[in-house]
Amino acid sequence: MATLTIRLPDDKHLRLKSLAKRRNISINKLIEEFSTQAIAEFDAETRFRALAANGSVEDGLKALDKLDAHFSA
């Protein structure tokens, strides 16, 4: 496991500390969760871009129309 040292403004550190305390986890665990979420978002975007590069614009727009219809109902 690697160790990472970051510099944060004091006010941001205090807010992260409060957030971690509210979630009943350590700041280390909080940052680990944030990094996991960021990596998952990055991976999803990468997959989406790869699929979009090989996909059909028409099929993509149809899929978006289905999503719009589902969430607006």
N, C-alpha and C. Protein backbone atom coordinates (compact mmCIF):
# COMPACT_ATOMS: atom_id res chain seq x y z
N MET A 1 0.85 -1.17 0.00
CA MET A 1 0.00 0.00 0.00
C MET A 1 0.89 1.23 0.00
N ALA A 2 0.51 2.22 -0.78
CA ALA A 2 1.29 3.45 -0.90
C ALA A 2 0.82 4.49 0.11
N THR A 3 1.71 5.42 0.41
CA THR A 3 1.39 6.55 1.27
C THR A 3 1.45 7.80 0.42
N LEU A 4 0.45 8.66 0.59
CA LEU A 4 0.35 9.89 -0.19
C LEU A 4 0.23 11.06 0.78
N THR A 5 1.06 12.05 0.62
CA THR A 5 0.98 13.25 1.43
C THR A 5 0.42 14.37 0.56
N ILE A 6 -0.64 15.02 1.04
CA ILE A 6 -1.22 16.13 0.29
C ILE A 6 -1.25 17.37 1.17
N ARG A 7 -1.21 18.51 0.53
CA ARG A 7 -1.30 19.78 1.25
C ARG A 7 -2.68 20.37 0.98
N LEU A 8 -3.38 20.72 2.04
CA LEU A 8 -4.70 21.32 1.94
C LEU A 8 -4.75 22.57 2.80
N PRO A 9 -5.55 23.53 2.40
CA PRO A 9 -5.78 24.67 3.30
C PRO A 9 -6.40 24.16 4.60
N ASP A 10 -6.09 24.83 5.69
CA ASP A 10 -6.58 24.40 7.00
C ASP A 10 -8.10 24.28 7.04
N ASP A 11 -8.80 25.25 6.43
CA ASP A 11 -10.27 25.20 6.48
C ASP A 11 -10.81 23.98 5.74
N LYS A 12 -10.19 23.62 4.64
CA LYS A 12 -10.64 22.43 3.90
C LYS A 12 -10.37 21.17 4.72
N HIS A 13 -9.23 21.12 5.37
CA HIS A 13 -8.91 19.97 6.22
C HIS A 13 -9.94 19.82 7.33
N LEU A 14 -10.32 20.94 7.95
CA LEU A 14 -11.31 20.88 9.03
C LEU A 14 -12.67 20.41 8.52
N ARG A 15 -13.04 20.85 7.32
CA ARG A 15 -14.33 20.43 6.76
C ARG A 15 -14.31 18.94 6.41
N LEU A 16 -13.19 18.46 5.87
CA LEU A 16 -13.07 17.03 5.58
C LEU A 16 -13.10 16.21 6.87
N LYS A 17 -12.46 16.72 7.89
CA LYS A 17 -12.44 16.05 9.18
C LYS A 17 -13.86 15.96 9.75
N SER A 18 -14.63 17.03 9.61
CA SER A 18 -16.02 17.03 10.07
C SER A 18 -16.87 16.05 9.27
N LEU A 19 -16.66 16.02 7.97
CA LEU A 19 -17.41 15.10 7.11
C LEU A 19 -17.09 13.65 7.47
N ALA A 20 -15.83 13.36 7.66
CA ALA A 20 -15.43 12.00 8.04
C ALA A 20 -16.04 11.61 9.38
N LYS A 21 -16.02 12.54 10.32
CA LYS A 21 -16.59 12.27 11.64
C LYS A 21 -18.08 11.99 11.53
N ARG A 22 -18.79 12.76 10.71
CA ARG A 22 -20.23 12.55 10.53
C ARG A 22 -20.51 11.18 9.94
N ARG A 23 -19.62 10.72 9.05
CA ARG A 23 -19.80 9.40 8.42
C ARG A 23 -19.22 8.27 9.28
N ASN A 24 -18.64 8.63 10.42
CA ASN A 24 -18.02 7.66 11.33
C ASN A 24 -16.89 6.88 10.67
N ILE A 25 -16.07 7.59 9.89
CA ILE A 25 -14.91 6.98 9.26
C ILE A 25 -13.72 7.93 9.42
N SER A 26 -12.54 7.41 9.15
CA SER A 26 -11.34 8.25 9.23
C SER A 26 -11.23 9.13 7.98
N ILE A 27 -10.43 10.17 8.08
CA ILE A 27 -10.16 11.00 6.90
C ILE A 27 -9.51 10.15 5.83
N ASN A 28 -8.63 9.26 6.22
CA ASN A 28 -7.98 8.37 5.26
C ASN A 28 -9.02 7.56 4.48
N LYS A 29 -9.99 6.99 5.18
CA LYS A 29 -11.05 6.21 4.53
C LYS A 29 -11.91 7.11 3.63
N LEU A 30 -12.18 8.32 4.08
CA LEU A 30 -12.96 9.26 3.29
C LEU A 30 -12.27 9.57 1.97
N ILE A 31 -10.97 9.86 2.02
CA ILE A 31 -10.20 10.15 0.81
C ILE A 31 -10.14 8.91 -0.08
N GLU A 32 -10.02 7.74 0.52
CA GLU A 32 -10.02 6.50 -0.26
C GLU A 32 -11.35 6.33 -1.00
N GLU A 33 -12.46 6.62 -0.32
CA GLU A 33 -13.78 6.53 -0.96
C GLU A 33 -13.91 7.54 -2.09
N PHE A 34 -13.43 8.77 -1.86
CA PHE A 34 -13.48 9.79 -2.91
C PHE A 34 -12.66 9.37 -4.12
N SER A 35 -11.49 8.80 -3.88
CA SER A 35 -10.64 8.40 -5.00
C SER A 35 -11.26 7.22 -5.76
N THR A 36 -11.91 6.31 -5.04
CA THR A 36 -12.60 5.19 -5.70
C THR A 36 -13.71 5.71 -6.59
N GLN A 37 -14.47 6.68 -6.10
CA GLN A 37 -15.54 7.27 -6.89
C GLN A 37 -14.98 7.98 -8.12
N ALA A 38 -13.91 8.74 -7.96
CA ALA A 38 -13.31 9.46 -9.08
C ALA A 38 -12.80 8.49 -10.15
N ILE A 39 -12.18 7.40 -9.72
CA ILE A 39 -11.67 6.40 -10.67
C ILE A 39 -12.82 5.71 -11.39
N ALA A 40 -13.90 5.40 -10.68
CA ALA A 40 -15.07 4.77 -11.31
C ALA A 40 -15.67 5.70 -12.36
N GLU A 41 -15.76 6.99 -12.05
CA GLU A 41 -16.29 7.97 -13.02
C GLU A 41 -15.37 8.06 -14.23
N PHE A 42 -14.07 8.07 -13.99
CA PHE A 42 -13.10 8.13 -15.09
C PHE A 42 -13.22 6.90 -15.98
N ASP A 43 -13.32 5.72 -15.35
CA ASP A 43 -13.45 4.47 -16.12
C ASP A 43 -14.73 4.46 -16.94
N ALA A 44 -15.85 4.93 -16.34
CA ALA A 44 -17.12 4.97 -17.07
C ALA A 44 -17.03 5.91 -18.26
N GLU A 45 -16.42 7.06 -18.06
CA GLU A 45 -16.26 8.01 -19.17
C GLU A 45 -15.38 7.42 -20.27
N THR A 46 -14.31 6.75 -19.88
CA THR A 46 -13.41 6.14 -20.86
C THR A 46 -14.14 5.08 -21.67
N ARG A 47 -14.92 4.22 -20.98
CA ARG A 47 -15.70 3.20 -21.69
C ARG A 47 -16.73 3.84 -22.61
N PHE A 48 -17.41 4.88 -22.13
CA PHE A 48 -18.41 5.56 -22.93
C PHE A 48 -17.78 6.16 -24.19
N ARG A 49 -16.63 6.81 -24.04
CA ARG A 49 -15.97 7.42 -25.19
C ARG A 49 -15.53 6.35 -26.20
N ALA A 50 -15.04 5.23 -25.71
CA ALA A 50 -14.62 4.15 -26.61
C ALA A 50 -15.83 3.59 -27.37
N LEU A 51 -16.94 3.38 -26.66
CA LEU A 51 -18.14 2.88 -27.32
C LEU A 51 -18.71 3.92 -28.29
N ALA A 52 -18.68 5.19 -27.89
CA ALA A 52 -19.21 6.24 -28.75
C ALA A 52 -18.40 6.37 -30.03
N ALA A 53 -17.09 6.15 -29.93
CA ALA A 53 -16.24 6.27 -31.11
C ALA A 53 -16.58 5.20 -32.15
N ASN A 54 -17.09 4.06 -31.68
CA ASN A 54 -17.41 2.95 -32.58
C ASN A 54 -18.91 2.80 -32.82
N GLY A 55 -19.71 3.64 -32.18
CA GLY A 55 -21.15 3.46 -32.23
C GLY A 55 -21.83 4.31 -33.29
N SER A 56 -23.13 4.20 -33.28
CA SER A 56 -24.00 4.92 -34.20
C SER A 56 -24.60 6.12 -33.49
N VAL A 57 -24.52 7.28 -34.12
CA VAL A 57 -25.13 8.48 -33.56
C VAL A 57 -26.64 8.27 -33.40
N GLU A 58 -27.25 7.67 -34.40
CA GLU A 58 -28.69 7.43 -34.36
C GLU A 58 -29.08 6.53 -33.19
N ASP A 59 -28.34 5.45 -32.98
CA ASP A 59 -28.62 4.55 -31.86
C ASP A 59 -28.41 5.27 -30.52
N GLY A 60 -27.39 6.09 -30.44
CA GLY A 60 -27.13 6.84 -29.22
C GLY A 60 -28.25 7.80 -28.89
N LEU A 61 -28.76 8.51 -29.90
CA LEU A 61 -29.86 9.44 -29.68
C LEU A 61 -31.14 8.71 -29.29
N LYS A 62 -31.37 7.53 -29.86
CA LYS A 62 -32.53 6.72 -29.47
C LYS A 62 -32.43 6.31 -28.00
N ALA A 63 -31.23 5.93 -27.57
CA ALA A 63 -31.03 5.53 -26.17
C ALA A 63 -31.28 6.72 -25.25
N LEU A 64 -30.82 7.90 -25.63
CA LEU A 64 -31.06 9.09 -24.80
C LEU A 64 -32.55 9.43 -24.76
N ASP A 65 -33.26 9.26 -25.88
CA ASP A 65 -34.70 9.49 -25.89
C ASP A 65 -35.41 8.55 -24.93
N LYS A 66 -34.98 7.29 -24.88
CA LYS A 66 -35.58 6.32 -23.96
C LYS A 66 -35.35 6.74 -22.51
N LEU A 67 -34.13 7.21 -22.22
CA LEU A 67 -33.84 7.68 -20.86
C LEU A 67 -34.69 8.89 -20.50
N ASP A 68 -34.79 9.83 -21.42
CA ASP A 68 -35.62 11.01 -21.17
C ASP A 68 -37.07 10.61 -20.88
N ALA A 69 -37.60 9.69 -21.69
CA ALA A 69 -38.99 9.25 -21.51
C ALA A 69 -39.16 8.57 -20.16
N HIS A 70 -38.19 7.77 -19.78
CA HIS A 70 -38.28 7.04 -18.50
C HIS A 70 -38.27 7.99 -17.31
N PHE A 71 -37.38 8.98 -17.33
CA PHE A 71 -37.22 9.84 -16.17
C PHE A 71 -38.17 11.02 -16.16
N SER A 72 -38.86 11.29 -17.25
CA SER A 72 -39.82 12.39 -17.26
C SER A 72 -41.24 11.90 -16.99
N ALA A 73 -41.40 10.59 -16.91
CA ALA A 73 -42.74 10.03 -16.69
C ALA A 73 -43.10 10.02 -15.23
